[in-house]
């Protein structure tokens, strides 16, 4: 099967359209004040803080698949991500961003609610959603590495900011790509529009629905994240 027409390929294409749009909005960080960029990093940390919970929920649901390797892969992912939120928090605090001082941003809470729903009701829907979020994680670490370096440059925080850049570099060195690719193994040979369940127990329609709904949730979250900071943009 041509990779682009597989279930994984369809989710990848729709993810690329979403992530490319967000990247275009943040292509020139000179248009944003430092307070806005710090706030974006603070909100992104919230996902990191919940990621292991999402992975654990997904891994438990994956036990319903015929192929136990899906559960094993999610558990591997969980083991790799364990402790990363603490690293991220420490790195942010080193450049002056206090996690405890955050006020709740309702769209972020709603985004988590939507993702939690997608990974708790149906294993195939969960797999599609997890695959989509792992693919988007690569883009997010690219974006937030870019933002981190800009904030560090502005604040002359080269020494203090090294752990933050290193945190994103670690994820971009193959960690997130591996998470995406290893989950993609269970989707890349599936026709997204076939009616039969795969040998692994994956329902194509439900997996595609999960991927698309996860992308819709991420797209809305990013729209909500960017909406309040565009009025704060400074002249380029």
Protein backbone atom coordinates (compact mmCIF):
# COMPACT_ATOMS: atom_id res chain seq x y z
CA UNK A 1 0.00 0.00 0.00
CA UNK A 2 1.21 3.51 -0.83
CA UNK A 3 2.21 5.15 2.46
CA UNK A 4 0.24 8.32 1.75
CA UNK A 5 -3.01 6.41 1.27
CA UNK A 6 -2.68 4.29 4.40
CA UNK A 7 -4.47 5.12 7.64
CA UNK A 8 -1.23 6.52 9.05
CA UNK A 9 -0.66 8.53 5.87
CA UNK A 10 -4.10 10.14 5.94
CA UNK A 11 -3.65 11.20 9.57
CA UNK A 12 -0.14 12.48 8.75
CA UNK A 13 -1.43 14.62 5.89
CA UNK A 14 -4.16 16.20 7.99
CA UNK A 15 -1.71 16.75 10.83
CA UNK A 16 0.75 18.44 8.48
CA UNK A 17 -1.89 20.90 7.29
CA UNK A 18 -2.70 21.86 10.89
CA UNK A 19 0.91 22.12 12.09
CA UNK A 20 2.06 24.06 9.04
CA UNK A 21 -0.63 26.65 9.68
CA UNK A 22 0.47 27.12 13.29
CA UNK A 23 4.12 27.35 12.25
CA UNK A 24 3.24 30.10 9.80
CA UNK A 25 1.61 32.09 12.59
CA UNK A 26 4.74 31.84 14.71
CA UNK A 27 7.32 32.18 11.96
CA UNK A 28 8.43 35.65 13.08
CA UNK A 29 8.75 35.72 16.86
CA UNK A 30 9.81 39.35 16.74
CA UNK A 31 6.09 40.05 16.43
CA UNK A 32 5.42 38.75 19.95
CA UNK A 33 6.40 40.16 23.30
CA UNK A 34 8.30 38.05 25.79
CA UNK A 35 5.38 37.78 28.20
CA UNK A 36 3.28 36.15 25.48
CA UNK A 37 6.02 33.68 24.58
CA UNK A 38 6.55 32.78 28.23
CA UNK A 39 2.82 32.17 28.59
CA UNK A 40 2.81 29.83 25.59
CA UNK A 41 5.59 27.78 27.17
CA UNK A 42 3.69 27.67 30.45
CA UNK A 43 0.59 26.30 28.71
CA UNK A 44 2.62 23.76 26.76
CA UNK A 45 4.08 22.49 30.01
CA UNK A 46 0.55 21.60 31.13
CA UNK A 47 0.37 18.90 28.46
CA UNK A 48 3.74 17.54 29.51
CA UNK A 49 2.47 17.32 33.08
CA UNK A 50 -0.49 15.18 31.96
CA UNK A 51 1.15 13.16 29.23
CA UNK A 52 2.05 10.17 31.37
CA UNK A 53 -1.54 9.93 32.60
CA UNK A 54 -2.79 9.91 29.02
CA UNK A 55 -0.23 7.26 28.05
CA UNK A 56 -1.15 5.06 31.01
CA UNK A 57 -4.85 5.29 30.13
CA UNK A 58 -4.12 4.47 26.51
CA UNK A 59 -1.90 1.54 27.42
CA UNK A 60 -4.60 0.06 29.63
CA UNK A 61 -7.21 0.34 26.88
CA UNK A 62 -4.75 -1.18 24.38
CA UNK A 63 -4.99 -4.47 26.27
CA UNK A 64 -8.22 -5.01 24.33
CA UNK A 65 -6.33 -5.34 21.02
CA UNK A 66 -5.53 -8.73 19.54
CA UNK A 67 -1.88 -7.69 19.26
CA UNK A 68 -0.30 -7.10 22.68
CA UNK A 69 2.53 -5.17 21.00
CA UNK A 70 0.36 -2.03 20.93
CA UNK A 71 0.11 -2.10 24.72
CA UNK A 72 3.85 -2.80 24.94
CA UNK A 73 4.68 0.20 22.75
CA UNK A 74 2.54 2.57 24.78
CA UNK A 75 4.17 1.29 27.96
CA UNK A 76 7.60 1.90 26.41
CA UNK A 77 6.53 5.42 25.55
CA UNK A 78 5.26 5.90 29.09
CA UNK A 79 8.56 4.73 30.57
CA UNK A 80 10.51 7.14 28.36
CA UNK A 81 8.29 10.09 29.24
CA UNK A 82 8.33 9.43 32.98
CA UNK A 83 10.14 12.29 34.69
CA UNK A 84 10.14 14.58 31.67
CA UNK A 85 7.56 16.96 33.13
CA UNK A 86 9.79 17.53 36.16
CA UNK A 87 12.71 18.26 33.84
CA UNK A 88 10.59 20.72 31.85
CA UNK A 89 9.36 22.46 35.00
CA UNK A 90 12.88 22.86 36.34
CA UNK A 91 14.15 24.19 33.02
CA UNK A 92 11.34 26.75 32.77
CA UNK A 93 11.90 27.92 36.32
CA UNK A 94 15.60 28.47 35.58
CA UNK A 95 14.63 31.19 33.09
CA UNK A 96 12.11 32.76 35.46
CA UNK A 97 8.83 31.06 34.51
CA UNK A 98 6.94 29.98 37.62
CA UNK A 99 4.62 27.02 37.13
CA UNK A 100 2.75 27.70 40.38
CA UNK A 101 1.87 31.26 39.40
CA UNK A 102 -0.23 30.11 36.43
CA UNK A 103 -3.91 31.01 36.21
CA UNK A 104 -6.07 28.33 34.64
CA UNK A 105 -6.71 28.86 30.93
CA UNK A 106 -10.11 27.19 30.28
CA UNK A 107 -9.36 26.23 26.65
CA UNK A 108 -6.38 24.20 27.86
CA UNK A 109 -8.56 22.39 30.38
CA UNK A 110 -11.14 21.72 27.67
CA UNK A 111 -8.44 20.40 25.34
CA UNK A 112 -7.38 17.90 27.99
CA UNK A 113 -11.01 16.89 28.48
CA UNK A 114 -11.36 16.19 24.76
CA UNK A 115 -8.16 14.15 24.57
CA UNK A 116 -9.07 12.17 27.69
CA UNK A 117 -12.39 11.28 26.09
CA UNK A 118 -10.73 10.04 22.92
CA UNK A 119 -8.37 7.69 24.74
CA UNK A 120 -10.82 6.17 27.17
CA UNK A 121 -13.79 4.75 25.26
CA UNK A 122 -12.57 2.66 22.32
CA UNK A 123 -9.11 1.13 21.70
CA UNK A 124 -9.03 1.89 17.97
CA UNK A 125 -10.13 5.48 18.50
CA UNK A 126 -7.48 5.76 21.19
CA UNK A 127 -4.77 4.47 18.84
CA UNK A 128 -5.66 6.96 16.13
CA UNK A 129 -5.72 9.81 18.64
CA UNK A 130 -2.42 8.81 20.24
CA UNK A 131 -0.77 8.52 16.84
CA UNK A 132 -1.96 12.00 15.89
CA UNK A 133 -0.75 13.56 19.14
CA UNK A 134 2.66 11.87 18.88
CA UNK A 135 3.05 13.26 15.37
CA UNK A 136 2.11 16.73 16.61
CA UNK A 137 4.58 16.43 19.50
CA UNK A 138 7.44 16.64 17.01
CA UNK A 139 6.11 19.93 15.66
CA UNK A 140 5.51 21.26 19.17
CA UNK A 141 9.07 20.61 20.30
CA UNK A 142 10.31 22.33 17.14
CA UNK A 143 8.12 25.34 17.86
CA UNK A 144 8.98 25.54 21.54
CA UNK A 145 12.70 25.10 20.92
CA UNK A 146 12.43 28.11 18.62
CA UNK A 147 10.47 30.07 21.23
CA UNK A 148 12.87 29.05 24.00
CA UNK A 149 15.92 30.23 22.10
CA UNK A 150 14.23 33.58 21.36
CA UNK A 151 13.28 34.17 25.00
CA UNK A 152 16.77 33.16 26.13
CA UNK A 153 18.34 35.54 23.63
CA UNK A 154 16.17 38.45 24.70
CA UNK A 155 16.81 37.89 28.38
CA UNK A 156 20.53 37.19 27.95
CA UNK A 157 19.95 33.87 29.72
CA UNK A 158 22.36 31.67 27.77
CA UNK A 159 23.61 29.76 30.82
CA UNK A 160 20.25 29.53 32.56
CA UNK A 161 18.51 28.47 29.35
CA UNK A 162 20.73 25.54 28.41
CA UNK A 163 18.56 22.89 30.15
CA UNK A 164 15.44 24.19 28.37
CA UNK A 165 16.97 23.97 24.91
CA UNK A 166 18.44 20.58 25.82
CA UNK A 167 14.98 19.35 26.86
CA UNK A 168 13.58 20.07 23.40
CA UNK A 169 16.72 18.77 21.67
CA UNK A 170 16.33 15.48 23.55
CA UNK A 171 12.82 15.01 22.21
CA UNK A 172 13.87 16.01 18.70
CA UNK A 173 16.86 13.65 18.68
CA UNK A 174 14.59 10.75 17.82
CA UNK A 175 12.46 10.23 20.93
CA UNK A 176 9.23 11.67 19.53
CA UNK A 177 9.89 10.36 16.02
CA UNK A 178 10.28 6.88 17.47
CA UNK A 179 7.04 7.17 19.42
CA UNK A 180 5.20 8.18 16.25
CA UNK A 181 6.83 5.59 14.00
CA UNK A 182 6.37 2.68 16.39
CA UNK A 183 2.65 3.42 16.78
CA UNK A 184 2.42 3.96 13.04
CA UNK A 185 3.44 0.35 12.45
CA UNK A 186 -0.06 -0.68 13.49
CA UNK A 187 -1.72 1.79 11.09
CA UNK A 188 0.51 1.98 8.03
CA UNK A 189 -0.81 -1.14 6.28
CA UNK A 190 -4.48 -0.33 6.84
CA UNK A 191 -6.80 1.16 4.24
CA UNK A 192 -8.61 3.83 6.28
CA UNK A 193 -11.86 3.15 4.49
CA UNK A 194 -11.93 -0.64 4.70
CA UNK A 195 -14.78 -2.14 6.66
CA UNK A 196 -12.93 -5.06 8.22
CA UNK A 197 -10.92 -5.02 11.43
CA UNK A 198 -7.16 -5.51 10.99
CA UNK A 199 -5.31 -8.59 12.22
CA UNK A 200 -4.17 -6.55 15.23
CA UNK A 201 -7.77 -5.80 16.14
CA UNK A 202 -7.78 -2.21 14.85
CA UNK A 203 -11.05 -0.85 13.48
CA UNK A 204 -10.03 1.49 10.61
CA UNK A 205 -13.06 3.76 10.88
CA UNK A 206 -12.69 4.28 14.62
CA UNK A 207 -8.93 4.85 14.38
CA UNK A 208 -9.38 7.44 11.63
CA UNK A 209 -12.11 9.11 13.67
CA UNK A 210 -9.80 9.25 16.69
CA UNK A 211 -6.98 10.75 14.68
CA UNK A 212 -9.20 13.37 13.09
CA UNK A 213 -10.87 14.31 16.36
CA UNK A 214 -7.49 14.63 18.07
CA UNK A 215 -6.29 16.93 15.29
CA UNK A 216 -9.49 18.97 15.59
CA UNK A 217 -8.91 19.29 19.34
CA UNK A 218 -5.29 20.35 18.83
CA UNK A 219 -6.25 22.81 16.12
CA UNK A 220 -8.85 24.44 18.37
CA UNK A 221 -6.42 24.56 21.30
CA UNK A 222 -3.80 26.32 19.22
CA UNK A 223 -6.36 28.78 17.90
CA UNK A 224 -7.34 29.53 21.48
CA UNK A 225 -3.70 29.83 22.56
CA UNK A 226 -2.83 32.28 19.82
CA UNK A 227 -5.99 34.39 20.00
CA UNK A 228 -5.13 36.30 23.22
CA UNK A 229 -1.51 36.98 22.29
CA UNK A 230 -1.97 38.43 18.82
CA UNK A 231 -3.37 41.69 20.28
CA UNK A 232 -0.17 41.89 22.33
CA UNK A 233 2.05 41.61 19.28
CA UNK A 234 4.68 44.28 18.95
CA UNK A 235 5.85 45.85 15.74
CA UNK A 236 8.19 43.66 13.70
